[in-house]
Amino acid sequence: MGNGRLRVKSAYGFFTADWHGEKPSLGTSHSVEIDVNDLLLWGRDLRVADTPAQEIADDEDMVRISGRIESFDSDDVLTLLVDNSLIMVETEGDPPLGAIGRYATLRSAKITLYPYDV
């Protein structure tokens, strides 16, 4: 098993992330779990968006992920829906009132992809 940094093409953009597992062949398609390895602070790393967007893309030295807020639990875990995929992230601080169902954008420098078989 090897780990490494990869440039990834998804249905919602190009981005760079760490890969955990056997290095994939160029041009192959994989189902992956996306792990955001940062604790995201509301208002700094994570904001409710003014317009609806679904995106995963590089943004300078960070990765920007945009999607619809599905839930926010008592452990400060936010669930974001991008297309038909759920991404769960740990947050700090209070989300804006009425955030559930709205769109949000997060930025993180620490994204890891874990491949899995469907």
PDB file of N, CA and C in Angstrom:
ATOM      1  N   MET A   1       0.841  -1.175   0.000  1.00  0.00           N
ATOM      2  CA  MET A   1       0.000   0.000   0.000  1.00  0.00           C
ATOM      3  C   MET A   1       0.887   1.240   0.000  1.00  0.00           C
ATOM      4  N   GLY A   2       0.525   2.174  -0.818  1.00  0.00           N
ATOM      5  CA  GLY A   2       1.271   3.409  -0.848  1.00  0.00           C
ATOM      6  C   GLY A   2       0.352   4.590  -0.652  1.00  0.00           C
ATOM      7  N   ASN A   3       0.927   5.671  -0.252  1.00  0.00           N
ATOM      8  CA  ASN A   3       0.175   6.903  -0.092  1.00  0.00           C
ATOM      9  C   ASN A   3       0.837   7.951  -0.963  1.00  0.00           C
ATOM     10  N   GLY A   4       0.108   8.941  -1.368  1.00  0.00           N
ATOM     11  CA  GLY A   4       0.698  10.000  -2.167  1.00  0.00           C
ATOM     12  C   GLY A   4      -0.299  11.093  -2.450  1.00  0.00           C
ATOM     13  N   ARG A   5       0.211  12.131  -3.056  1.00  0.00           N
ATOM     14  CA  ARG A   5      -0.620  13.281  -3.406  1.00  0.00           C
ATOM     15  C   ARG A   5      -1.008  13.132  -4.869  1.00  0.00           C
ATOM     16  N   LEU A   6      -2.307  13.335  -5.175  1.00  0.00           N
ATOM     17  CA  LEU A   6      -2.806  13.160  -6.530  1.00  0.00           C
ATOM     18  C   LEU A   6      -3.609  14.366  -6.978  1.00  0.00           C
ATOM     19  N   ARG A   7      -3.597  14.587  -8.273  1.00  0.00           N
ATOM     20  CA  ARG A   7      -4.506  15.552  -8.908  1.00  0.00           C
ATOM     21  C   ARG A   7      -5.713  14.746  -9.350  1.00  0.00           C
ATOM     22  N   VAL A   8      -6.903  15.158  -8.938  1.00  0.00           N
ATOM     23  CA  VAL A   8      -8.119  14.373  -9.127  1.00  0.00           C
ATOM     24  C   VAL A   8      -9.111  15.140  -9.998  1.00  0.00           C
ATOM     25  N   LYS A   9      -9.771  14.406 -10.893  1.00  0.00           N
ATOM     26  CA  LYS A   9     -10.871  14.973 -11.673  1.00  0.00           C
ATOM     27  C   LYS A   9     -12.156  14.349 -11.151  1.00  0.00           C
ATOM     28  N   SER A  10     -13.098  15.197 -10.764  1.00  0.00           N
ATOM     29  CA  SER A  10     -14.403  14.708 -10.320  1.00  0.00           C
ATOM     30  C   SER A  10     -15.485  15.349 -11.183  1.00  0.00           C
ATOM     31  N   ALA A  11     -16.706  14.937 -10.984  1.00  0.00           N
ATOM     32  CA  ALA A  11     -17.822  15.537 -11.720  1.00  0.00           C
ATOM     33  C   ALA A  11     -17.983  17.013 -11.377  1.00  0.00           C
ATOM     34  N   TYR A  12     -17.370  17.450 -10.276  1.00  0.00           N
ATOM     35  CA  TYR A  12     -17.549  18.824  -9.813  1.00  0.00           C
ATOM     36  C   TYR A  12     -16.274  19.639  -9.795  1.00  0.00           C
ATOM     37  N   GLY A  13     -15.245  19.188 -10.498  1.00  0.00           N
ATOM     38  CA  GLY A  13     -14.039  19.987 -10.603  1.00  0.00           C
ATOM     39  C   GLY A  13     -12.773  19.181 -10.413  1.00  0.00           C
ATOM     40  N   PHE A  14     -11.652  19.864 -10.575  1.00  0.00           N
ATOM     41  CA  PHE A  14     -10.329  19.289 -10.375  1.00  0.00           C
ATOM     42  C   PHE A  14      -9.810  19.745  -9.017  1.00  0.00           C
ATOM     43  N   PHE A  15      -9.155  18.824  -8.307  1.00  0.00           N
ATOM     44  CA  PHE A  15      -8.581  19.196  -7.021  1.00  0.00           C
ATOM     45  C   PHE A  15      -7.415  18.273  -6.690  1.00  0.00           C
ATOM     46  N   THR A  16      -6.634  18.662  -5.702  1.00  0.00           N
ATOM     47  CA  THR A  16      -5.472  17.904  -5.253  1.00  0.00           C
ATOM     48  C   THR A  16      -5.750  17.377  -3.853  1.00  0.00           C
ATOM     49  N   ALA A  17      -5.427  16.098  -3.639  1.00  0.00           N
ATOM     50  CA  ALA A  17      -5.691  15.488  -2.330  1.00  0.00           C
ATOM     51  C   ALA A  17      -4.681  14.389  -2.061  1.00  0.00           C
ATOM     52  N   ASP A  18      -4.565  14.016  -0.799  1.00  0.00           N
ATOM     53  CA  ASP A  18      -3.752  12.862  -0.429  1.00  0.00           C
ATOM     54  C   ASP A  18      -4.552  11.606  -0.740  1.00  0.00           C
ATOM     55  N   TRP A  19      -3.867  10.577  -1.201  1.00  0.00           N
ATOM     56  CA  TRP A  19      -4.485   9.295  -1.545  1.00  0.00           C
ATOM     57  C   TRP A  19      -4.005   8.267  -0.543  1.00  0.00           C
ATOM     58  N   HIS A  20      -4.926   7.523   0.034  1.00  0.00           N
ATOM     59  CA  HIS A  20      -4.578   6.487   0.995  1.00  0.00           C
ATOM     60  C   HIS A  20      -4.914   5.146   0.371  1.00  0.00           C
ATOM     61  N   GLY A  21      -3.898   4.402   0.024  1.00  0.00           N
ATOM     62  CA  GLY A  21      -4.111   3.100  -0.603  1.00  0.00           C
ATOM     63  C   GLY A  21      -3.161   2.910  -1.762  1.00  0.00           C
ATOM     64  N   GLU A  22      -3.375   1.834  -2.497  1.00  0.00           N
ATOM     65  CA  GLU A  22      -2.540   1.534  -3.652  1.00  0.00           C
ATOM     66  C   GLU A  22      -2.739   2.612  -4.709  1.00  0.00           C
ATOM     67  N   LYS A  23      -1.633   3.112  -5.243  1.00  0.00           N
ATOM     68  CA  LYS A  23      -1.703   4.204  -6.208  1.00  0.00           C
ATOM     69  C   LYS A  23      -2.524   3.779  -7.420  1.00  0.00           C
ATOM     70  N   PRO A  24      -3.518   4.587  -7.811  1.00  0.00           N
ATOM     71  CA  PRO A  24      -4.354   4.233  -8.958  1.00  0.00           C
ATOM     72  C   PRO A  24      -3.630   4.493 -10.276  1.00  0.00           C
ATOM     73  N   SER A  25      -4.046   3.794 -11.307  1.00  0.00           N
ATOM     74  CA  SER A  25      -3.506   4.022 -12.643  1.00  0.00           C
ATOM     75  C   SER A  25      -4.102   5.307 -13.203  1.00  0.00           C
ATOM     76  N   LEU A  26      -3.329   5.993 -14.015  1.00  0.00           N
ATOM     77  CA  LEU A  26      -3.771   7.230 -14.637  1.00  0.00           C
ATOM     78  C   LEU A  26      -5.032   6.989 -15.464  1.00  0.00           C
ATOM     79  N   GLY A  27      -6.030   7.833 -15.285  1.00  0.00           N
ATOM     80  CA  GLY A  27      -7.247   7.754 -16.075  1.00  0.00           C
ATOM     81  C   GLY A  27      -8.294   6.785 -15.567  1.00  0.00           C
ATOM     82  N   THR A  28      -8.046   6.123 -14.441  1.00  0.00           N
ATOM     83  CA  THR A  28      -9.029   5.176 -13.908  1.00  0.00           C
ATOM     84  C   THR A  28     -10.016   5.896 -12.994  1.00  0.00           C
ATOM     85  N   SER A  29     -11.171   5.286 -12.828  1.00  0.00           N
ATOM     86  CA  SER A  29     -12.234   5.853 -12.007  1.00  0.00           C
ATOM     87  C   SER A  29     -12.370   5.041 -10.724  1.00  0.00           C
ATOM     88  N   HIS A  30     -12.585   5.733  -9.606  1.00  0.00           N
ATOM     89  CA  HIS A  30     -12.686   5.065  -8.307  1.00  0.00           C
ATOM     90  C   HIS A  30     -13.773   5.699  -7.451  1.00  0.00           C
ATOM     91  N   SER A  31     -14.430   4.882  -6.654  1.00  0.00           N
ATOM     92  CA  SER A  31     -15.316   5.390  -5.612  1.00  0.00           C
ATOM     93  C   SER A  31     -14.443   5.666  -4.399  1.00  0.00           C
ATOM     94  N   VAL A  32     -14.616   6.835  -3.793  1.00  0.00           N
ATOM     95  CA  VAL A  32     -13.764   7.214  -2.667  1.00  0.00           C
ATOM     96  C   VAL A  32     -14.587   7.827  -1.543  1.00  0.00           C
ATOM     97  N   GLU A  33     -14.047   7.695  -0.348  1.00  0.00           N
ATOM     98  CA  GLU A  33     -14.540   8.457   0.797  1.00  0.00           C
ATOM     99  C   GLU A  33     -13.650   9.681   0.898  1.00  0.00           C
ATOM    100  N   ILE A  34     -14.251  10.843   1.052  1.00  0.00           N
ATOM    101  CA  ILE A  34     -13.496  12.086   1.196  1.00  0.00           C
ATOM    102  C   ILE A  34     -13.418  12.424   2.674  1.00  0.00           C
ATOM    103  N   ASP A  35     -12.194  12.561   3.167  1.00  0.00           N
ATOM    104  CA  ASP A  35     -11.980  12.902   4.571  1.00  0.00           C
ATOM    105  C   ASP A  35     -11.370  14.297   4.651  1.00  0.00           C
ATOM    106  N   VAL A  36     -12.068  15.198   5.299  1.00  0.00           N
ATOM    107  CA  VAL A  36     -11.553  16.541   5.558  1.00  0.00           C
ATOM    108  C   VAL A  36     -10.883  16.475   6.920  1.00  0.00           C
ATOM    109  N   ASN A  37      -9.557  16.596   6.930  1.00  0.00           N
ATOM    110  CA  ASN A  37      -8.776  16.355   8.141  1.00  0.00           C
ATOM    111  C   ASN A  37      -8.559  17.592   9.004  1.00  0.00           C
ATOM    112  N   ASP A  38      -9.268  18.654   8.723  1.00  0.00           N
ATOM    113  CA  ASP A  38      -9.167  19.881   9.514  1.00  0.00           C
ATOM    114  C   ASP A  38     -10.400  20.040  10.394  1.00  0.00           C
ATOM    115  N   LEU A  39     -10.231  20.708  11.506  1.00  0.00           N
ATOM    116  CA  LEU A  39     -11.358  21.173  12.311  1.00  0.00           C
ATOM    117  C   LEU A  39     -11.718  22.541  11.735  1.00  0.00           C
ATOM    118  N   LEU A  40     -12.911  22.663  11.157  1.00  0.00           N
ATOM    119  CA  LEU A  40     -13.285  23.869  10.425  1.00  0.00           C
ATOM    120  C   LEU A  40     -14.032  24.848  11.320  1.00  0.00           C
ATOM    121  N   LEU A  41     -13.599  26.086  11.282  1.00  0.00           N
ATOM    122  CA  LEU A  41     -14.202  27.138  12.097  1.00  0.00           C
ATOM    123  C   LEU A  41     -15.239  27.894  11.263  1.00  0.00           C
ATOM    124  N   TRP A  42     -16.479  27.942  11.785  1.00  0.00           N
ATOM    125  CA  TRP A  42     -17.536  28.698  11.121  1.00  0.00           C
ATOM    126  C   TRP A  42     -17.104  30.151  10.979  1.00  0.00           C
ATOM    127  N   GLY A  43     -17.315  30.717   9.797  1.00  0.00           N
ATOM    128  CA  GLY A  43     -16.960  32.109   9.541  1.00  0.00           C
ATOM    129  C   GLY A  43     -15.558  32.286   9.011  1.00  0.00           C
ATOM    130  N   ARG A  44     -14.680  31.316   9.222  1.00  0.00           N
ATOM    131  CA  ARG A  44     -13.316  31.390   8.703  1.00  0.00           C
ATOM    132  C   ARG A  44     -13.115  30.354   7.605  1.00  0.00           C
ATOM    133  N   ASP A  45     -13.286  29.064   7.937  1.00  0.00           N
ATOM    134  CA  ASP A  45     -13.060  27.968   6.992  1.00  0.00           C
ATOM    135  C   ASP A  45     -14.354  27.496   6.343  1.00  0.00           C
ATOM    136  N   LEU A  46     -15.454  27.866   6.903  1.00  0.00           N
ATOM    137  CA  LEU A  46     -16.762  27.346   6.507  1.00  0.00           C
ATOM    138  C   LEU A  46     -17.781  28.475   6.583  1.00  0.00           C
ATOM    139  N   ARG A  47     -18.475  28.696   5.465  1.00  0.00           N
ATOM    140  CA  ARG A  47     -19.460  29.782   5.401  1.00  0.00           C
ATOM    141  C   ARG A  47     -20.698  29.327   4.649  1.00  0.00           C
ATOM    142  N   VAL A  48     -21.835  29.849   5.054  1.00  0.00           N
ATOM    143  CA  VAL A  48     -23.054  29.652   4.277  1.00  0.00           C
ATOM    144  C   VAL A  48     -22.883  30.467   3.000  1.00  0.00           C
ATOM    145  N   ALA A  49     -23.219  29.849   1.866  1.00  0.00           N
ATOM    146  CA  ALA A  49     -23.018  30.487   0.563  1.00  0.00           C
ATOM    147  C   ALA A  49     -24.211  31.361   0.185  1.00  0.00           C
ATOM    148  N   ASP A  50     -23.939  32.414  -0.568  1.00  0.00           N
ATOM    149  CA  ASP A  50     -24.993  33.301  -1.052  1.00  0.00           C
ATOM    150  C   ASP A  50     -25.774  32.670  -2.201  1.00  0.00           C
ATOM    151  N   THR A  51     -25.098  31.820  -2.977  1.00  0.00           N
ATOM    152  CA  THR A  51     -25.744  31.171  -4.121  1.00  0.00           C
ATOM    153  C   THR A  51     -25.533  29.666  -4.044  1.00  0.00           C
ATOM    154  N   PRO A  52     -26.487  28.878  -4.551  1.00  0.00           N
ATOM    155  CA  PRO A  52     -26.335  27.419  -4.547  1.00  0.00           C
ATOM    156  C   PRO A  52     -25.172  26.996  -5.443  1.00  0.00           C
ATOM    157  N   ALA A  53     -24.345  26.099  -4.941  1.00  0.00           N
ATOM    158  CA  ALA A  53     -23.226  25.588  -5.731  1.00  0.00           C
ATOM    159  C   ALA A  53     -22.857  24.200  -5.233  1.00  0.00           C
ATOM    160  N   GLN A  54     -22.450  23.358  -6.169  1.00  0.00           N
ATOM    161  CA  GLN A  54     -21.889  22.052  -5.834  1.00  0.00           C
ATOM    162  C   GLN A  54     -20.551  21.976  -6.547  1.00  0.00           C
ATOM    163  N   GLU A  55     -19.479  21.859  -5.762  1.00  0.00           N
ATOM    164  CA  GLU A  55     -18.151  21.962  -6.341  1.00  0.00           C
ATOM    165  C   GLU A  55     -17.126  21.323  -5.417  1.00  0.00           C
ATOM    166  N   ILE A  56     -16.108  20.745  -6.023  1.00  0.00           N
ATOM    167  CA  ILE A  56     -14.898  20.332  -5.314  1.00  0.00           C
ATOM    168  C   ILE A  56     -13.761  20.773  -6.218  1.00  0.00           C
ATOM    169  N   ALA A  57     -12.978  21.757  -5.783  1.00  0.00           N
ATOM    170  CA  ALA A  57     -11.963  22.333  -6.661  1.00  0.00           C
ATOM    171  C   ALA A  57     -10.814  22.918  -5.849  1.00  0.00           C
ATOM    172  N   ASP A  58      -9.642  22.983  -6.496  1.00  0.00           N
ATOM    173  CA  ASP A  58      -8.508  23.659  -5.880  1.00  0.00           C
ATOM    174  C   ASP A  58      -8.806  25.146  -5.769  1.00  0.00           C
ATOM    175  N   ASP A  59      -8.327  25.741  -4.699  1.00  0.00           N
ATOM    176  CA  ASP A  59      -8.475  27.170  -4.450  1.00  0.00           C
ATOM    177  C   ASP A  59      -7.178  27.625  -3.798  1.00  0.00           C
ATOM    178  N   GLU A  60      -6.231  28.060  -4.634  1.00  0.00           N
ATOM    179  CA  GLU A  60      -4.874  28.374  -4.205  1.00  0.00           C
ATOM    180  C   GLU A  60      -4.259  27.119  -3.587  1.00  0.00           C
ATOM    181  N   ASP A  61      -3.830  27.161  -2.322  1.00  0.00           N
ATOM    182  CA  ASP A  61      -3.206  25.982  -1.706  1.00  0.00           C
ATOM    183  C   ASP A  61      -4.207  25.167  -0.888  1.00  0.00           C
ATOM    184  N   MET A  62      -5.487  25.414  -1.108  1.00  0.00           N
ATOM    185  CA  MET A  62      -6.557  24.729  -0.375  1.00  0.00           C
ATOM    186  C   MET A  62      -7.462  24.001  -1.365  1.00  0.00           C
ATOM    187  N   VAL A  63      -8.375  23.198  -0.811  1.00  0.00           N
ATOM    188  CA  VAL A  63      -9.447  22.613  -1.613  1.00  0.00           C
ATOM    189  C   VAL A  63     -10.747  23.245  -1.135  1.00  0.00           C
ATOM    190  N   ARG A  64     -11.564  23.661  -2.094  1.00  0.00           N
ATOM    191  CA  ARG A  64     -12.860  24.270  -1.797  1.00  0.00           C
ATOM    192  C   ARG A  64     -13.951  23.247  -2.107  1.00  0.00           C
ATOM    193  N   ILE A  65     -14.832  23.004  -1.142  1.00  0.00           N
ATOM    194  CA  ILE A  65     -15.952  22.082  -1.320  1.00  0.00           C
ATOM    195  C   ILE A  65     -17.230  22.858  -1.036  1.00  0.00           C
ATOM    196  N   SER A  66     -18.158  22.803  -1.989  1.00  0.00           N
ATOM    197  CA  SER A  66     -19.448  23.479  -1.832  1.00  0.00           C
ATOM    198  C   SER A  66     -20.569  22.479  -2.023  1.00  0.00           C
ATOM    199  N   GLY A  67     -21.584  22.581  -1.190  1.00  0.00           N
ATOM    200  CA  GLY A  67     -22.736  21.698  -1.291  1.00  0.00           C
ATOM    201  C   GLY A  67     -23.835  22.153  -0.346  1.00  0.00           C
ATOM    202  N   ARG A  68     -24.890  21.355  -0.278  1.00  0.00           N
ATOM    203  CA  ARG A  68     -26.045  21.701   0.565  1.00  0.00           C
ATOM    204  C   ARG A  68     -25.875  21.122   1.968  1.00  0.00           C
ATOM    205  N   ILE A  69     -26.172  21.910   2.976  1.00  0.00           N
ATOM    206  CA  ILE A  69     -26.087  21.455   4.363  1.00  0.00           C
ATOM    207  C   ILE A  69     -27.268  20.533   4.638  1.00  0.00           C
ATOM    208  N   GLU A  70     -26.965  19.274   4.931  1.00  0.00           N
ATOM    209  CA  GLU A  70     -27.992  18.276   5.226  1.00  0.00           C
ATOM    210  C   GLU A  70     -28.323  18.221   6.708  1.00  0.00           C
ATOM    211  N   SER A  71     -27.277  18.304   7.535  1.00  0.00           N
ATOM    212  CA  SER A  71     -27.507  18.228   8.980  1.00  0.00           C
ATOM    213  C   SER A  71     -26.321  18.817   9.727  1.00  0.00           C
ATOM    214  N   PHE A  72     -26.575  19.085  10.991  1.00  0.00           N
ATOM    215  CA  PHE A  72     -25.552  19.569  11.911  1.00  0.00           C
ATOM    216  C   PHE A  72     -25.903  18.974  13.257  1.00  0.00           C
ATOM    217  N   ASP A  73     -25.032  18.095  13.791  1.00  0.00           N
ATOM    218  CA  ASP A  73     -25.406  17.395  15.021  1.00  0.00           C
ATOM    219  C   ASP A  73     -24.801  18.030  16.268  1.00  0.00           C
ATOM    220  N   SER A  74     -25.168  17.491  17.414  1.00  0.00           N
ATOM    221  CA  SER A  74     -24.743  18.054  18.695  1.00  0.00           C
ATOM    222  C   SER A  74     -23.246  17.898  18.950  1.00  0.00           C
ATOM    223  N   ASP A  75     -22.572  17.049  18.167  1.00  0.00           N
ATOM    224  CA  ASP A  75     -21.116  16.897  18.283  1.00  0.00           C
ATOM    225  C   ASP A  75     -20.382  17.832  17.333  1.00  0.00           C
ATOM    226  N   ASP A  76     -21.093  18.812  16.774  1.00  0.00           N
ATOM    227  CA  ASP A  76     -20.526  19.795  15.844  1.00  0.00           C
ATOM    228  C   ASP A  76     -20.052  19.176  14.534  1.00  0.00           C
ATOM    229  N   VAL A  77     -20.697  18.093  14.109  1.00  0.00           N
ATOM    230  CA  VAL A  77     -20.381  17.469  12.824  1.00  0.00           C
ATOM    231  C   VAL A  77     -21.410  17.937  11.801  1.00  0.00           C
ATOM    232  N   LEU A  78     -20.901  18.528  10.739  1.00  0.00           N
ATOM    233  CA  LEU A  78     -21.718  19.018   9.644  1.00  0.00           C
ATOM    234  C   LEU A  78     -21.735  17.969   8.539  1.00  0.00           C
ATOM    235  N   THR A  79     -22.902  17.702   7.980  1.00  0.00           N
ATOM    236  CA  THR A  79     -23.012  16.814   6.826  1.00  0.00           C
ATOM    237  C   THR A  79     -23.402  17.660   5.632  1.00  0.00           C
ATOM    238  N   LEU A  80     -22.543  17.606   4.612  1.00  0.00           N
ATOM    239  CA  LEU A  80     -22.713  18.388   3.396  1.00  0.00           C
ATOM    240  C   LEU A  80     -23.024  17.438   2.249  1.00  0.00           C
ATOM    241  N   LEU A  81     -24.027  17.746   1.440  1.00  0.00           N
ATOM    242  CA  LEU A  81     -24.398  16.932   0.287  1.00  0.00           C
ATOM    243  C   LEU A  81     -23.847  17.579  -0.975  1.00  0.00           C
ATOM    244  N   VAL A  82     -22.988  16.826  -1.681  1.00  0.00           N
ATOM    245  CA  VAL A  82     -22.458  17.257  -2.971  1.00  0.00           C
ATOM    246  C   VAL A  82     -22.896  16.201  -3.969  1.00  0.00           C
ATOM    247  N   ASP A  83     -23.802  16.570  -4.875  1.00  0.00           N
ATOM    248  CA  ASP A  83     -24.453  15.640  -5.799  1.00  0.00           C
ATOM    249  C   ASP A  83     -25.184  14.604  -4.956  1.00  0.00           C
ATOM    250  N   ASN A  84     -24.772  13.336  -5.038  1.00  0.00           N
ATOM    251  CA  ASN A  84     -25.415  12.302  -4.210  1.00  0.00           C
ATOM    252  C   ASN A  84     -24.462  11.769  -3.152  1.00  0.00           C
ATOM    253  N   SER A  85     -23.414  12.522  -2.855  1.00  0.00           N
ATOM    254  CA  SER A  85     -22.410  12.094  -1.881  1.00  0.00           C
ATOM    255  C   SER A  85     -22.466  12.962  -0.626  1.00  0.00           C
ATOM    256  N   LEU A  86     -22.368  12.307   0.516  1.00  0.00           N
ATOM    257  CA  LEU A  86     -22.344  13.014   1.794  1.00  0.00           C
ATOM    258  C   LEU A  86     -20.907  13.164   2.270  1.00  0.00           C
ATOM    259  N   ILE A  87     -20.556  14.354   2.710  1.00  0.00           N
ATOM    260  CA  ILE A  87     -19.235  14.630   3.270  1.00  0.00           C
ATOM    261  C   ILE A  87     -19.463  15.153   4.680  1.00  0.00           C
ATOM    262  N   MET A  88     -18.867  14.477   5.656  1.00  0.00           N
ATOM    263  CA  MET A  88     -19.019  14.872   7.054  1.00  0.00           C
ATOM    264  C   MET A  88     -17.737  15.561   7.511  1.00  0.00           C
ATOM    265  N   VAL A  89     -17.894  16.708   8.170  1.00  0.00           N
ATOM    266  CA  VAL A  89     -16.734  17.463   8.642  1.00  0.00           C
ATOM    267  C   VAL A  89     -16.956  17.916  10.079  1.00  0.00           C
ATOM    268  N   GLU A  90     -15.860  17.958  10.826  1.00  0.00           N
ATOM    269  CA  GLU A  90     -15.910  18.456  12.198  1.00  0.00           C
ATOM    270  C   GLU A  90     -15.790  19.971  12.175  1.00  0.00           C
ATOM    271  N   THR A  91     -16.638  20.623  12.959  1.00  0.00           N
ATOM    272  CA  THR A  91     -16.641  22.082  12.972  1.00  0.00           C
ATOM    273  C   THR A  91     -16.470  22.614  14.386  1.00  0.00           C
ATOM    274  N   GLU A  92     -16.160  23.889  14.440  1.00  0.00           N
ATOM    275  CA  GLU A  92     -16.053  24.589  15.719  1.00  0.00           C
ATOM    276  C   GLU A  92     -16.832  25.892  15.584  1.00  0.00           C
ATOM    277  N   GLY A  93     -17.550  26.252  16.612  1.00  0.00           N
ATOM    278  CA  GLY A  93     -18.367  27.459  16.567  1.00  0.00           C
ATOM    279  C   GLY A  93     -19.801  27.114  16.203  1.00  0.00           C
ATOM    280  N   ASP A  94     -20.631  28.120  16.188  1.00  0.00           N
ATOM    281  CA  ASP A  94     -22.052  27.919  15.913  1.00  0.00           C
ATOM    282  C   ASP A  94     -22.366  28.249  14.466  1.00  0.00           C
ATOM    283  N   PRO A  95     -23.135  27.371  13.806  1.00  0.00           N
ATOM    284  CA  PRO A  95     -23.553  27.696  12.440  1.00  0.00           C
ATOM    285  C   PRO A  95     -24.591  28.815  12.477  1.00  0.00           C
ATOM    286  N   PRO A  96     -24.741  29.528  11.374  1.00  0.00           N
ATOM    287  CA  PRO A  96     -25.785  30.556  11.328  1.00  0.00           C
ATOM    288  C   PRO A  96     -27.166  29.932  11.513  1.00  0.00           C
ATOM    289  N   LEU A  97     -28.081  30.667  12.097  1.00  0.00           N
ATOM    290  CA  LEU A  97     -29.453  30.185  12.251  1.00  0.00           C
ATOM    291  C   LEU A  97     -30.046  29.888  10.879  1.00  0.00           C
ATOM    292  N   GLY A  98     -30.773  28.781  10.790  1.00  0.00           N
ATOM    293  CA  GLY A  98     -31.416  28.414   9.533  1.00  0.00           C
ATOM    294  C   GLY A  98     -30.472  27.875   8.483  1.00  0.00           C
ATOM    295  N   ALA A  99     -29.309  27.367   8.889  1.00  0.00           N
ATOM    296  CA  ALA A  99     -28.314  26.893   7.923  1.00  0.00           C
ATOM    297  C   ALA A  99     -28.718  25.588   7.239  1.00  0.00           C
ATOM    298  N   ILE A 100     -29.462  24.724   7.928  1.00  0.00           N
ATOM    299  CA  ILE A 100     -29.860  23.439   7.352  1.00  0.00           C
ATOM    300  C   ILE A 100     -30.672  23.694   6.080  1.00  0.00           C
ATOM    301  N   GLY A 101     -30.289  23.008   5.002  1.00  0.00           N
ATOM    302  CA  GLY A 101     -30.971  23.164   3.723  1.00  0.00           C
ATOM    303  C   GLY A 101     -30.373  24.232   2.829  1.00  0.00           C
ATOM    304  N   ARG A 102     -29.516  25.083   3.392  1.00  0.00           N
ATOM    305  CA  ARG A 102     -28.832  26.105   2.594  1.00  0.00           C
ATOM    306  C   ARG A 102     -27.524  25.530   2.072  1.00  0.00           C
ATOM    307  N   TYR A 103     -26.875  26.271   1.218  1.00  0.00           N
ATOM    308  CA  TYR A 103     -25.595  25.837   0.667  1.00  0.00           C
ATOM    309  C   TYR A 103     -24.454  26.453   1.462  1.00  0.00           C
ATOM    310  N   ALA A 104     -23.341  25.731   1.508  1.00  0.00           N
ATOM    311  CA  ALA A 104     -22.168  26.200   2.237  1.00  0.00           C
ATOM    312  C   ALA A 104     -20.921  25.887   1.432  1.00  0.00           C
ATOM    313  N   THR A 105     -19.875  26.630   1.730  1.00  0.00           N
ATOM    314  CA  THR A 105     -18.568  26.402   1.121  1.00  0.00           C
ATOM    315  C   THR A 105     -17.548  26.284   2.233  1.00  0.00           C
ATOM    316  N   LEU A 106     -16.703  25.262   2.129  1.00  0.00           N
ATOM    317  CA  LEU A 106     -15.611  25.087   3.082  1.00  0.00           C
ATOM    318  C   LEU A 106     -14.294  25.091   2.329  1.00  0.00           C
ATOM    319  N   ARG A 107     -13.244  25.435   3.049  1.00  0.00           N
ATOM    320  CA  ARG A 107     -11.880  25.386   2.500  1.00  0.00           C
ATOM    321  C   ARG A 107     -11.005  24.636   3.488  1.00  0.00           C
ATOM    322  N   SER A 108     -10.226  23.686   2.948  1.00  0.00           N
ATOM    323  CA  SER A 108      -9.333  22.886   3.785  1.00  0.00           C
ATOM    324  C   SER A 108      -8.067  22.553   3.009  1.00  0.00           C
ATOM    325  N   ALA A 109      -6.950  22.513   3.715  1.00  0.00           N
ATOM    326  CA  ALA A 109      -5.681  22.115   3.102  1.00  0.00           C
ATOM    327  C   ALA A 109      -5.442  20.623   3.254  1.00  0.00           C
ATOM    328  N   LYS A 110      -6.259  19.956   4.061  1.00  0.00           N
ATOM    329  CA  LYS A 110      -5.999  18.556   4.398  1.00  0.00           C
ATOM    330  C   LYS A 110      -7.163  17.670   3.971  1.00  0.00           C
ATOM    331  N   ILE A 111      -7.139  17.244   2.711  1.00  0.00           N
ATOM    332  CA  ILE A 111      -8.154  16.353   2.164  1.00  0.00           C
ATOM    333  C   ILE A 111      -7.486  15.017   1.851  1.00  0.00           C
ATOM    334  N   THR A 112      -8.070  13.928   2.337  1.00  0.00           N
ATOM    335  CA  THR A 112      -7.560  12.587   2.044  1.00  0.00           C
ATOM    336  C   THR A 112      -8.665  11.775   1.387  1.00  0.00           C
ATOM    337  N   LEU A 113      -8.296  11.014   0.371  1.00  0.00           N
ATOM    338  CA  LEU A 113      -9.233  10.135  -0.328  1.00  0.00           C
ATOM    339  C   LEU A 113      -8.932   8.690   0.032  1.00  0.00           C
ATOM    340  N   TYR A 114      -9.981   7.948   0.374  1.00  0.00           N
ATOM    341  CA  TYR A 114      -9.872   6.532   0.703  1.00  0.00           C
ATOM    342  C   TYR A 114     -10.708   5.752  -0.306  1.00  0.00           C
ATOM    343  N   PRO A 115     -10.070   4.971  -1.194  1.00  0.00           N
ATOM    344  CA  PRO A 115     -10.848   4.214  -2.176  1.00  0.00           C
ATOM    345  C   PRO A 115     -11.595   3.062  -1.516  1.00  0.00           C
ATOM    346  N   TYR A 116     -12.744   2.722  -2.100  1.00  0.00           N
ATOM    347  CA  TYR A 116     -13.498   1.560  -1.633  1.00  0.00           C
ATOM    348  C   TYR A 116     -14.211   0.935  -2.822  1.00  0.00           C
ATOM    349  N   ASP A 117     -14.565  -0.337  -2.683  1.00  0.00           N
ATOM    350  CA  ASP A 117     -15.288  -1.052  -3.730  1.00  0.00           C
ATOM    351  C   ASP A 117     -16.775  -0.895  -3.513  1.00  0.00           C
ATOM    352  N   VAL A 118     -17.481  -0.661  -4.600  1.00  0.00           N
ATOM    353  CA  VAL A 118     -18.939  -0.501  -4.526  1.00  0.00           C
ATOM    354  C   VAL A 118     -19.598  -1.850  -4.695  1.00  0.00           C
TER     355      VAL A 118
END
